[in-house]
PDB file of N, CA and C in Angstrom:
ATOM      1  N   UNK A   1       0.875  -1.298   0.000  1.00  0.00           N
ATOM      2  CA  UNK A   1       0.008   0.027   0.119  1.00  0.00           C
ATOM      3  C   UNK A   1       0.936   1.261  -0.013  1.00  0.00           C
ATOM      4  N   UNK A   2       0.226   2.361  -0.455  1.00  0.00           N
ATOM      5  CA  UNK A   2       1.050   3.507  -0.565  1.00  0.00           C
ATOM      6  C   UNK A   2       1.577   4.045   0.851  1.00  0.00           C
ATOM      7  N   UNK A   3       0.746   3.934   1.796  1.00  0.00           N
ATOM      8  CA  UNK A   3       1.243   4.417   3.218  1.00  0.00           C
ATOM      9  C   UNK A   3       2.358   3.569   3.720  1.00  0.00           C
ATOM     10  N   UNK A   4       2.421   2.361   3.404  1.00  0.00           N
ATOM     11  CA  UNK A   4       3.286   1.358   3.795  1.00  0.00           C
ATOM     12  C   UNK A   4       4.576   1.873   3.094  1.00  0.00           C
ATOM     13  N   UNK A   5       4.427   2.074   1.835  1.00  0.00           N
ATOM     14  CA  UNK A   5       5.897   2.373   0.931  1.00  0.00           C
ATOM     15  C   UNK A   5       6.307   3.778   1.676  1.00  0.00           C
ATOM     16  N   UNK A   6       5.416   4.650   1.685  1.00  0.00           N
ATOM     17  CA  UNK A   6       5.785   5.964   2.164  1.00  0.00           C
ATOM     18  C   UNK A   6       6.654   5.904   3.421  1.00  0.00           C
ATOM     19  N   UNK A   7       5.968   5.095   4.466  1.00  0.00           N
ATOM     20  CA  UNK A   7       6.667   4.934   5.862  1.00  0.00           C
ATOM     21  C   UNK A   7       8.159   4.313   5.800  1.00  0.00           C
ATOM     22  N   UNK A   8       8.168   3.400   4.828  1.00  0.00           N
ATOM     23  CA  UNK A   8       9.487   2.700   4.747  1.00  0.00           C
ATOM     24  C   UNK A   8      10.432   3.650   3.925  1.00  0.00           C
ATOM     25  N   UNK A   9      10.064   4.442   3.112  1.00  0.00           N
ATOM     26  CA  UNK A   9      10.894   5.524   2.528  1.00  0.00           C
ATOM     27  C   UNK A   9      11.333   6.665   3.548  1.00  0.00           C
ATOM     28  N   UNK A  10      10.290   6.863   4.381  1.00  0.00           N
ATOM     29  CA  UNK A  10      10.570   8.016   5.281  1.00  0.00           C
ATOM     30  C   UNK A  10      11.598   7.641   6.225  1.00  0.00           C
ATOM     31  N   UNK A  11      11.336   6.238   6.787  1.00  0.00           N
ATOM     32  CA  UNK A  11      12.440   5.847   7.633  1.00  0.00           C
ATOM     33  C   UNK A  11      13.706   5.810   7.059  1.00  0.00           C
ATOM     34  N   UNK A  12      13.853   5.348   5.810  1.00  0.00           N
ATOM     35  CA  UNK A  12      14.988   5.229   4.986  1.00  0.00           C
ATOM     36  C   UNK A  12      15.684   6.667   5.048  1.00  0.00           C
ATOM     37  N   UNK A  13      14.938   7.508   4.680  1.00  0.00           N
ATOM     38  CA  UNK A  13      15.459   9.029   4.590  1.00  0.00           C
ATOM     39  C   UNK A  13      16.070   9.387   5.899  1.00  0.00           C
ATOM     40  N   UNK A  14      15.296   9.118   6.887  1.00  0.00           N
ATOM     41  CA  UNK A  14      15.866   9.526   8.306  1.00  0.00           C
ATOM     42  C   UNK A  14      17.130   8.820   8.610  1.00  0.00           C
ATOM     43  N   UNK A  15      17.291   7.636   8.343  1.00  0.00           N
ATOM     44  CA  UNK A  15      18.593   6.912   8.498  1.00  0.00           C
ATOM     45  C   UNK A  15      19.678   7.650   7.570  1.00  0.00           C
ATOM     46  N   UNK A  16      19.270   7.838   6.516  1.00  0.00           N
ATOM     47  CA  UNK A  16      20.481   8.665   5.592  1.00  0.00           C
ATOM     48  C   UNK A  16      20.917   9.840   6.106  1.00  0.00           C
ATOM     49  N   UNK A  17      19.791  10.504   6.416  1.00  0.00           N
ATOM     50  CA  UNK A  17      20.207  12.009   7.024  1.00  0.00           C
ATOM     51  C   UNK A  17      20.886  11.948   8.302  1.00  0.00           C
ATOM     52  N   UNK A  18      20.515  11.085   9.186  1.00  0.00           N
ATOM     53  CA  UNK A  18      21.160  10.936  10.627  1.00  0.00           C
ATOM     54  C   UNK A  18      22.654  10.376  10.333  1.00  0.00           C
ATOM     55  N   UNK A  19      23.022   9.575   9.505  1.00  0.00           N
ATOM     56  CA  UNK A  19      24.186   9.141   9.021  1.00  0.00           C
ATOM     57  C   UNK A  19      24.952  10.233   8.487  1.00  0.00           C
ATOM     58  N   UNK A  20      24.564  10.871   7.535  1.00  0.00           N
ATOM     59  CA  UNK A  20      25.095  12.150   6.994  1.00  0.00           C
ATOM     60  C   UNK A  20      25.544  13.124   7.951  1.00  0.00           C
ATOM     61  N   UNK A  21      24.585  13.357   8.950  1.00  0.00           N
ATOM     62  CA  UNK A  21      24.960  14.299  10.052  1.00  0.00           C
ATOM     63  C   UNK A  21      25.973  13.773  10.894  1.00  0.00           C
ATOM     64  N   UNK A  22      26.036  12.479  11.376  1.00  0.00           N
ATOM     65  CA  UNK A  22      27.081  11.902  12.186  1.00  0.00           C
ATOM     66  C   UNK A  22      28.410  12.001  11.484  1.00  0.00           C
ATOM     67  N   UNK A  23      28.435  12.012  10.114  1.00  0.00           N
ATOM     68  CA  UNK A  23      29.617  12.032   9.320  1.00  0.00           C
ATOM     69  C   UNK A  23      30.011  13.384   8.999  1.00  0.00           C
ATOM     70  N   UNK A  24      29.416  14.347   9.508  1.00  0.00           N
ATOM     71  CA  UNK A  24      29.470  15.659   9.150  1.00  0.00           C
ATOM     72  C   UNK A  24      29.614  16.111   7.687  1.00  0.00           C
ATOM     73  N   UNK A  25      28.611  15.362   6.956  1.00  0.00           N
ATOM     74  CA  UNK A  25      28.547  15.466   5.516  1.00  0.00           C
ATOM     75  C   UNK A  25      27.678  16.571   5.080  1.00  0.00           C
ATOM     76  N   UNK A  26      28.309  17.185   3.836  1.00  0.00           N
ATOM     77  CA  UNK A  26      27.340  18.164   3.247  1.00  0.00           C
ATOM     78  C   UNK A  26      26.301  17.730   2.427  1.00  0.00           C
ATOM     79  N   UNK A  27      26.574  16.496   1.856  1.00  0.00           N
ATOM     80  CA  UNK A  27      25.768  16.008   0.737  1.00  0.00           C
ATOM     81  C   UNK A  27      25.886  14.680   0.648  1.00  0.00           C
ATOM     82  N   UNK A  28      24.728  14.057   0.439  1.00  0.00           N
ATOM     83  CA  UNK A  28      24.824  12.424   0.078  1.00  0.00           C
ATOM     84  C   UNK A  28      24.790  12.256  -1.441  1.00  0.00           C
ATOM     85  N   UNK A  29      25.877  11.713  -1.972  1.00  0.00           N
ATOM     86  CA  UNK A  29      26.071  11.723  -3.401  1.00  0.00           C
ATOM     87  C   UNK A  29      25.464  10.335  -3.991  1.00  0.00           C
ATOM     88  N   UNK A  30      25.456   9.256  -3.325  1.00  0.00           N
ATOM     89  CA  UNK A  30      25.021   8.043  -3.729  1.00  0.00           C
ATOM     90  C   UNK A  30      24.353   7.166  -2.502  1.00  0.00           C
ATOM     91  N   UNK A  31      23.300   6.463  -2.860  1.00  0.00           N
ATOM     92  CA  UNK A  31      22.606   5.590  -1.936  1.00  0.00           C
ATOM     93  C   UNK A  31      22.278   4.183  -2.527  1.00  0.00           C
ATOM     94  N   UNK A  32      22.761   3.094  -1.703  1.00  0.00           N
ATOM     95  CA  UNK A  32      22.322   1.708  -2.286  1.00  0.00           C
ATOM     96  C   UNK A  32      21.316   1.297  -1.335  1.00  0.00           C
ATOM     97  N   UNK A  33      20.278   0.877  -1.975  1.00  0.00           N
ATOM     98  CA  UNK A  33      19.164   0.217  -1.075  1.00  0.00           C
ATOM     99  C   UNK A  33      18.870  -1.277  -1.544  1.00  0.00           C
ATOM    100  N   UNK A  34      18.654  -2.023  -0.805  1.00  0.00           N
ATOM    101  CA  UNK A  34      18.101  -3.483  -1.178  1.00  0.00           C
ATOM    102  C   UNK A  34      16.588  -3.466  -0.842  1.00  0.00           C
ATOM    103  N   UNK A  35      15.903  -3.999  -1.973  1.00  0.00           N
ATOM    104  CA  UNK A  35      14.563  -4.105  -1.866  1.00  0.00           C
ATOM    105  C   UNK A  35      14.239  -5.567  -1.584  1.00  0.00           C
ATOM    106  N   UNK A  36      13.722  -5.871  -0.452  1.00  0.00           N
ATOM    107  CA  UNK A  36      13.075  -7.249  -0.397  1.00  0.00           C
ATOM    108  C   UNK A  36      12.246  -7.816  -1.319  1.00  0.00           C
ATOM    109  N   UNK A  37      12.412  -9.103  -1.502  1.00  0.00           N
ATOM    110  CA  UNK A  37      11.526  -9.871  -2.379  1.00  0.00           C
ATOM    111  C   UNK A  37      10.059  -9.647  -2.203  1.00  0.00           C
ATOM    112  N   UNK A  38       9.687  -9.295  -1.107  1.00  0.00           N
ATOM    113  CA  UNK A  38       8.326  -9.300  -0.709  1.00  0.00           C
ATOM    114  C   UNK A  38       7.894  -7.777  -0.225  1.00  0.00           C
ATOM    115  N   UNK A  39       8.648  -7.014  -0.600  1.00  0.00           N
ATOM    116  CA  UNK A  39       8.477  -5.416  -0.223  1.00  0.00           C
ATOM    117  C   UNK A  39       7.321  -4.793  -1.279  1.00  0.00           C
ATOM    118  N   UNK A  40       7.195  -5.492  -2.402  1.00  0.00           N
ATOM    119  CA  UNK A  40       6.135  -5.106  -3.383  1.00  0.00           C
ATOM    120  C   UNK A  40       6.293  -3.761  -3.756  1.00  0.00           C
ATOM    121  N   UNK A  41       7.493  -3.391  -3.873  1.00  0.00           N
ATOM    122  CA  UNK A  41       7.822  -1.913  -4.350  1.00  0.00           C
ATOM    123  C   UNK A  41       8.680  -2.289  -5.714  1.00  0.00           C
ATOM    124  N   UNK A  42       8.391  -1.707  -6.874  1.00  0.00           N
ATOM    125  CA  UNK A  42       9.075  -1.897  -8.014  1.00  0.00           C
ATOM    126  C   UNK A  42      10.285  -0.929  -7.983  1.00  0.00           C
ATOM    127  N   UNK A  43      11.446  -1.045  -8.585  1.00  0.00           N
ATOM    128  CA  UNK A  43      12.492  -0.361  -8.506  1.00  0.00           C
ATOM    129  C   UNK A  43      12.156   1.171  -9.030  1.00  0.00           C
ATOM    130  N   UNK A  44      11.351   1.180 -10.357  1.00  0.00           N
ATOM    131  CA  UNK A  44      10.908   2.552 -10.746  1.00  0.00           C
ATOM    132  C   UNK A  44      10.044   3.401  -9.679  1.00  0.00           C
ATOM    133  N   UNK A  45       9.112   2.579  -9.261  1.00  0.00           N
ATOM    134  CA  UNK A  45       8.329   3.247  -8.190  1.00  0.00           C
ATOM    135  C   UNK A  45       9.120   3.627  -6.949  1.00  0.00           C
ATOM    136  N   UNK A  46      10.041   2.980  -6.540  1.00  0.00           N
ATOM    137  CA  UNK A  46      10.847   3.376  -5.408  1.00  0.00           C
ATOM    138  C   UNK A  46      11.631   4.520  -5.733  1.00  0.00           C
ATOM    139  N   UNK A  47      12.162   4.585  -6.932  1.00  0.00           N
ATOM    140  CA  UNK A  47      13.007   5.623  -7.413  1.00  0.00           C
ATOM    141  C   UNK A  47      12.292   7.026  -7.408  1.00  0.00           C
ATOM    142  N   UNK A  48      10.938   6.809  -7.895  1.00  0.00           N
ATOM    143  CA  UNK A  48      10.289   8.114  -7.804  1.00  0.00           C
ATOM    144  C   UNK A  48       9.916   8.481  -6.410  1.00  0.00           C
ATOM    145  N   UNK A  49       9.647   7.622  -5.617  1.00  0.00           N
ATOM    146  CA  UNK A  49       9.248   7.917  -4.121  1.00  0.00           C
ATOM    147  C   UNK A  49      10.604   8.617  -3.391  1.00  0.00           C
ATOM    148  N   UNK A  50      11.655   7.821  -3.826  1.00  0.00           N
ATOM    149  CA  UNK A  50      12.925   8.319  -3.184  1.00  0.00           C
ATOM    150  C   UNK A  50      13.257   9.788  -3.751  1.00  0.00           C
ATOM    151  N   UNK A  51      13.107   9.986  -4.827  1.00  0.00           N
ATOM    152  CA  UNK A  51      13.464  11.428  -5.386  1.00  0.00           C
ATOM    153  C   UNK A  51      12.468  12.383  -4.782  1.00  0.00           C
ATOM    154  N   UNK A  52      11.282  12.151  -4.487  1.00  0.00           N
ATOM    155  CA  UNK A  52      10.184  12.983  -3.917  1.00  0.00           C
ATOM    156  C   UNK A  52      10.581  13.206  -2.332  1.00  0.00           C
ATOM    157  N   UNK A  53      10.978  12.180  -1.771  1.00  0.00           N
ATOM    158  CA  UNK A  53      10.989  12.245  -0.201  1.00  0.00           C
ATOM    159  C   UNK A  53      12.455  12.853   0.123  1.00  0.00           C
ATOM    160  N   UNK A  54      13.363  12.783  -0.991  1.00  0.00           N
ATOM    161  CA  UNK A  54      14.616  13.457  -0.436  1.00  0.00           C
ATOM    162  C   UNK A  54      14.782  14.879  -1.025  1.00  0.00           C
ATOM    163  N   UNK A  55      13.773  15.458  -1.564  1.00  0.00           N
ATOM    164  CA  UNK A  55      13.624  16.815  -2.022  1.00  0.00           C
ATOM    165  C   UNK A  55      13.874  17.642  -0.865  1.00  0.00           C
ATOM    166  N   UNK A  56      14.620  18.600  -0.862  1.00  0.00           N
ATOM    167  CA  UNK A  56      14.889  19.499   0.170  1.00  0.00           C
ATOM    168  C   UNK A  56      15.858  18.947   1.194  1.00  0.00           C
ATOM    169  N   UNK A  57      16.258  17.678   1.178  1.00  0.00           N
ATOM    170  CA  UNK A  57      17.271  17.164   2.216  1.00  0.00           C
ATOM    171  C   UNK A  57      18.644  17.031   1.753  1.00  0.00           C
ATOM    172  N   UNK A  58      19.494  16.615   2.587  1.00  0.00           N
ATOM    173  CA  UNK A  58      20.907  16.436   2.265  1.00  0.00           C
ATOM    174  C   UNK A  58      21.158  15.463   1.169  1.00  0.00           C
ATOM    175  N   UNK A  59      20.179  14.416   1.070  1.00  0.00           N
ATOM    176  CA  UNK A  59      20.383  13.414  -0.051  1.00  0.00           C
ATOM    177  C   UNK A  59      19.461  13.891  -1.387  1.00  0.00           C
ATOM    178  N   UNK A  60      19.092  15.206  -1.406  1.00  0.00           N
ATOM    179  CA  UNK A  60      18.525  15.308  -2.714  1.00  0.00           C
ATOM    180  C   UNK A  60      19.451  15.376  -3.935  1.00  0.00           C
ATOM    181  N   UNK A  61      18.946  14.746  -4.849  1.00  0.00           N
ATOM    182  CA  UNK A  61      19.991  14.573  -6.263  1.00  0.00           C
ATOM    183  C   UNK A  61      20.933  13.365  -5.974  1.00  0.00           C
ATOM    184  N   UNK A  62      20.825  12.513  -4.921  1.00  0.00           N
ATOM    185  CA  UNK A  62      21.800  11.595  -4.819  1.00  0.00           C
ATOM    186  C   UNK A  62      21.527  10.389  -5.922  1.00  0.00           C
ATOM    187  N   UNK A  63      22.514   9.794  -6.242  1.00  0.00           N
ATOM    188  CA  UNK A  63      22.461   8.639  -7.313  1.00  0.00           C
ATOM    189  C   UNK A  63      21.812   7.487  -6.410  1.00  0.00           C
ATOM    190  N   UNK A  64      20.815   6.768  -7.047  1.00  0.00           N
ATOM    191  CA  UNK A  64      20.278   5.732  -6.272  1.00  0.00           C
ATOM    192  C   UNK A  64      20.485   4.391  -7.024  1.00  0.00           C
ATOM    193  N   UNK A  65      21.067   3.406  -6.206  1.00  0.00           N
ATOM    194  CA  UNK A  65      21.299   2.120  -6.651  1.00  0.00           C
ATOM    195  C   UNK A  65      20.424   1.261  -6.037  1.00  0.00           C
ATOM    196  N   UNK A  66      19.774   0.373  -6.726  1.00  0.00           N
ATOM    197  CA  UNK A  66      18.835  -0.559  -6.211  1.00  0.00           C
ATOM    198  C   UNK A  66      19.141  -2.010  -6.471  1.00  0.00           C
ATOM    199  N   UNK A  67      19.237  -2.767  -5.334  1.00  0.00           N
ATOM    200  CA  UNK A  67      19.454  -4.154  -5.506  1.00  0.00           C
ATOM    201  C   UNK A  67      18.128  -4.848  -5.135  1.00  0.00           C
ATOM    202  N   UNK A  68      17.859  -5.893  -5.878  1.00  0.00           N
ATOM    203  CA  UNK A  68      16.543  -6.675  -5.614  1.00  0.00           C
ATOM    204  C   UNK A  68      16.976  -7.857  -4.761  1.00  0.00           C
ATOM    205  N   UNK A  69      16.609  -8.154  -3.813  1.00  0.00           N
ATOM    206  CA  UNK A  69      16.762  -9.516  -3.099  1.00  0.00           C
ATOM    207  C   UNK A  69      15.544 -10.459  -3.458  1.00  0.00           C
ATOM    208  N   UNK A  70      15.957 -11.648  -3.993  1.00  0.00           N
ATOM    209  CA  UNK A  70      14.776 -12.535  -4.413  1.00  0.00           C
ATOM    210  C   UNK A  70      14.473 -13.589  -3.362  1.00  0.00           C
ATOM    211  N   UNK A  71      15.235 -13.711  -2.257  1.00  0.00           N
ATOM    212  CA  UNK A  71      14.936 -14.798  -1.344  1.00  0.00           C
ATOM    213  C   UNK A  71      13.588 -14.549  -0.548  1.00  0.00           C
ATOM    214  N   UNK A  72      12.517 -15.113  -0.854  1.00  0.00           N
ATOM    215  CA  UNK A  72      11.321 -14.879  -0.165  1.00  0.00           C
ATOM    216  C   UNK A  72      11.318 -15.404   1.259  1.00  0.00           C
ATOM    217  N   UNK A  73      12.201 -16.196   1.531  1.00  0.00           N
ATOM    218  CA  UNK A  73      12.425 -16.647   3.008  1.00  0.00           C
ATOM    219  C   UNK A  73      13.234 -15.978   3.814  1.00  0.00           C
ATOM    220  N   UNK A  74      13.894 -14.937   3.330  1.00  0.00           N
ATOM    221  CA  UNK A  74      14.689 -14.087   4.103  1.00  0.00           C
ATOM    222  C   UNK A  74      13.918 -13.349   5.078  1.00  0.00           C
ATOM    223  N   UNK A  75      14.610 -13.291   6.312  1.00  0.00           N
ATOM    224  CA  UNK A  75      13.645 -12.538   7.368  1.00  0.00           C
ATOM    225  C   UNK A  75      13.465 -11.185   6.929  1.00  0.00           C
ATOM    226  N   UNK A  76      14.313 -10.467   6.168  1.00  0.00           N
ATOM    227  CA  UNK A  76      14.092  -9.069   5.705  1.00  0.00           C
ATOM    228  C   UNK A  76      13.377  -8.777   4.444  1.00  0.00           C
ATOM    229  N   UNK A  77      12.590  -9.988   3.842  1.00  0.00           N
ATOM    230  CA  UNK A  77      12.013  -9.983   2.581  1.00  0.00           C
ATOM    231  C   UNK A  77      11.140  -8.867   2.365  1.00  0.00           C
ATOM    232  N   UNK A  78      10.558  -8.437   3.538  1.00  0.00           N
ATOM    233  CA  UNK A  78       9.473  -7.365   3.261  1.00  0.00           C
ATOM    234  C   UNK A  78       9.786  -5.867   3.705  1.00  0.00           C
ATOM    235  N   UNK A  79      11.300  -5.850   3.690  1.00  0.00           N
ATOM    236  CA  UNK A  79      11.717  -4.592   4.124  1.00  0.00           C
ATOM    237  C   UNK A  79      12.600  -4.061   2.920  1.00  0.00           C
ATOM    238  N   UNK A  80      12.731  -2.636   3.244  1.00  0.00           N
ATOM    239  CA  UNK A  80      13.863  -1.949   2.487  1.00  0.00           C
ATOM    240  C   UNK A  80      14.931  -1.730   3.198  1.00  0.00           C
ATOM    241  N   UNK A  81      16.220  -2.157   2.797  1.00  0.00           N
ATOM    242  CA  UNK A  81      17.372  -2.024   3.635  1.00  0.00           C
ATOM    243  C   UNK A  81      18.388  -1.074   3.032  1.00  0.00           C
ATOM    244  N   UNK A  82      18.987  -0.381   3.787  1.00  0.00           N
ATOM    245  CA  UNK A  82      19.968   0.678   3.557  1.00  0.00           C
ATOM    246  C   UNK A  82      21.311  -0.162   3.221  1.00  0.00           C
ATOM    247  N   UNK A  83      21.766  -0.190   2.027  1.00  0.00           N
ATOM    248  CA  UNK A  83      22.988  -0.958   1.783  1.00  0.00           C
ATOM    249  C   UNK A  83      24.324  -0.036   2.083  1.00  0.00           C
ATOM    250  N   UNK A  84      24.276   1.025   1.469  1.00  0.00           N
ATOM    251  CA  UNK A  84      25.514   1.821   1.500  1.00  0.00           C
ATOM    252  C   UNK A  84      25.188   3.316   1.312  1.00  0.00           C
ATOM    253  N   UNK A  85      25.963   4.192   1.870  1.00  0.00           N
ATOM    254  CA  UNK A  85      25.607   5.799   1.418  1.00  0.00           C
ATOM    255  C   UNK A  85      27.171   6.231   1.190  1.00  0.00           C
ATOM    256  N   UNK A  86      27.061   7.064   0.202  1.00  0.00           N
ATOM    257  CA  UNK A  86      28.414   7.697  -0.204  1.00  0.00           C
ATOM    258  C   UNK A  86      28.110   9.303   0.202  1.00  0.00           C
ATOM    259  N   UNK A  87      29.021   9.940   0.791  1.00  0.00           N
ATOM    260  CA  UNK A  87      28.776  11.258   1.166  1.00  0.00           C
ATOM    261  C   UNK A  87      30.004  12.137   1.006  1.00  0.00           C
ATOM    262  N   UNK A  88      29.943  13.404   0.888  1.00  0.00           N
ATOM    263  CA  UNK A  88      30.925  14.349   0.715  1.00  0.00           C
ATOM    264  C   UNK A  88      30.767  15.288   1.933  1.00  0.00           C
ATOM    265  N   UNK A  89      32.207  15.603   2.369  1.00  0.00           N
ATOM    266  CA  UNK A  89      32.120  16.544   3.544  1.00  0.00           C
ATOM    267  C   UNK A  89      32.066  18.135   3.277  1.00  0.00           C
ATOM    268  N   UNK A  90      32.073  18.767   4.348  1.00  0.00           N
ATOM    269  CA  UNK A  90      32.206  20.064   3.870  1.00  0.00           C
ATOM    270  C   UNK A  90      33.542  20.561   3.334  1.00  0.00           C
ATOM    271  N   UNK A  91      33.535  21.608   2.395  1.00  0.00           N
ATOM    272  CA  UNK A  91      34.770  21.966   1.791  1.00  0.00           C
ATOM    273  C   UNK A  91      35.216  23.069   2.620  1.00  0.00           C
TER     274      UNK A  91
END
């Protein structure tokens, strides 16, 4: 459902911004996420939500890499996991 997707992405953006803050980063340049096999979000759909959700944040304009996890028995199969983030610091 839309609300479920929205809350997954909102949580993800909060994680990304707090990591960027901890690392004293001025910008998040790339993000890798792993979509669980049961997360029911297509990569295109996720990309669109991600772009909307990062608007006005430190992650706005970040390159998004999406990995699909196909193991339906994985305990995280319903989740969207943060794989990696690349940041740049203050100049």
